[in-house]
Protein backbone atom coordinates (compact mmCIF):
# COMPACT_ATOMS: atom_id res chain seq x y z
CA UNK A 1 73.90 136.94 113.34
CA UNK A 2 74.37 133.24 112.57
CA UNK A 3 76.84 130.74 113.93
CA UNK A 4 77.24 127.21 112.60
CA UNK A 5 78.36 124.08 114.47
CA UNK A 6 78.98 120.53 113.28
CA UNK A 7 79.07 117.44 115.47
CA UNK A 8 78.24 113.76 115.58
CA UNK A 9 75.68 112.37 118.00
CA UNK A 10 73.52 109.35 118.70
CA UNK A 11 69.81 109.49 117.94
CA UNK A 12 67.83 108.19 120.93
CA UNK A 13 64.19 107.57 121.70
CA UNK A 14 62.49 109.03 124.76
CA UNK A 15 60.82 106.02 126.42
CA UNK A 16 57.17 106.87 126.12
CA UNK A 17 54.37 106.29 123.67
CA UNK A 18 54.65 109.72 122.00
CA UNK A 19 57.84 108.57 120.28
CA UNK A 20 60.02 111.68 120.66
CA UNK A 21 63.55 111.25 119.31
CA UNK A 22 66.50 113.43 120.28
CA UNK A 23 70.22 113.94 119.84
CA UNK A 24 72.13 115.21 122.88
CA UNK A 25 74.70 117.82 121.95
CA UNK A 26 78.31 117.24 123.06
CA UNK A 27 79.08 118.98 126.35
CA UNK A 28 81.74 121.34 124.97
CA UNK A 29 79.40 122.45 122.19
CA UNK A 30 76.54 122.96 124.66
CA UNK A 31 78.80 125.19 126.77
CA UNK A 32 79.70 127.32 123.73
CA UNK A 33 76.07 127.66 122.66
CA UNK A 34 74.95 128.46 126.21
CA UNK A 35 77.43 131.34 126.34
CA UNK A 36 76.77 132.66 122.84
CA UNK A 37 72.98 132.38 122.95
CA UNK A 38 72.45 133.69 126.50
CA UNK A 39 70.93 137.01 125.42
CA UNK A 40 68.71 135.32 122.80
CA UNK A 41 67.26 132.30 124.59
CA UNK A 42 63.49 131.85 124.49
CA UNK A 43 61.10 130.21 126.96
CA UNK A 44 62.61 127.40 129.04
CA UNK A 45 66.06 128.43 127.74
CA UNK A 46 65.46 127.12 124.22
CA UNK A 47 67.53 128.36 121.29
CA UNK A 48 66.18 128.62 117.73
CA UNK A 49 68.24 126.70 115.17
CA UNK A 50 68.23 125.33 111.66
CA UNK A 51 69.38 121.71 111.69
CA UNK A 52 70.78 119.56 108.88
CA UNK A 53 71.06 115.76 108.98
CA UNK A 54 71.71 113.60 105.89
CA UNK A 55 70.52 116.33 103.51
CA UNK A 56 67.38 117.05 105.54
CA UNK A 57 67.15 120.66 106.74
CA UNK A 58 64.51 121.97 109.16
CA UNK A 59 63.87 124.78 111.64
CA UNK A 60 63.45 123.86 115.28
CA UNK A 61 64.78 124.74 118.72
CA UNK A 62 67.25 123.01 120.98
CA UNK A 63 66.19 122.66 124.61
CA UNK A 64 68.30 122.60 127.78
CA UNK A 65 68.40 119.25 129.55
CA UNK A 66 69.22 119.32 133.25
CA UNK A 67 69.97 115.58 133.32
CA UNK A 68 72.85 115.83 130.81
CA UNK A 69 73.62 119.53 131.42
CA UNK A 70 73.50 119.90 127.64
CA UNK A 71 70.94 120.67 124.94
CA UNK A 72 68.59 118.27 123.19
CA UNK A 73 67.87 118.46 119.46
CA UNK A 74 64.43 117.00 118.66
CA UNK A 75 64.37 115.04 115.38
CA UNK A 76 60.89 114.68 113.94
CA UNK A 77 59.63 111.56 112.19
CA UNK A 78 59.59 113.07 108.70
CA UNK A 79 63.30 113.93 109.03
CA UNK A 80 64.18 110.50 110.44
CA UNK A 81 62.30 108.76 107.63
CA UNK A 82 63.75 110.90 104.83
CA UNK A 83 67.29 110.60 106.28
CA UNK A 84 66.93 106.83 106.85
CA UNK A 85 67.97 107.03 110.49
CA UNK A 86 66.64 105.41 113.65
CA UNK A 87 67.34 105.29 117.36
CA UNK A 88 70.89 104.10 118.07
CA UNK A 89 72.37 105.55 114.85
CA UNK A 90 75.34 107.92 115.05
CA UNK A 91 74.59 110.85 112.76
CA UNK A 92 76.42 113.91 111.50
CA UNK A 93 74.59 117.10 112.47
CA UNK A 94 74.99 120.70 111.41
CA UNK A 95 73.31 123.38 113.52
CA UNK A 96 72.95 127.02 112.61
CA UNK A 97 71.97 129.23 115.54
CA UNK A 98 69.24 131.70 114.61
CA UNK A 99 70.14 134.56 116.92
CA UNK A 100 68.26 137.81 116.48
CA UNK A 101 70.08 140.94 117.51
């Protein structure tokens, strides 16, 4: 089963040397995903997804974030570079949930 979602979010940098970059999913979308993916969540409540930003597609997981009560989408450097995006940019995102039955 696959479900697709589209949204716009701001790319932000986690303030540490490792340089992790994330996009926080909108709250209403996070609520929908939380409900739909409940039986399929992995360790720490993560959900496997395929993400698409500016023509760059990759497999990853979104992770629950207690601070925002949402999910975080990690965006790796190779994707950021190829898409020409950096922290502070608003980007269009497509997520496909990879839910195994």
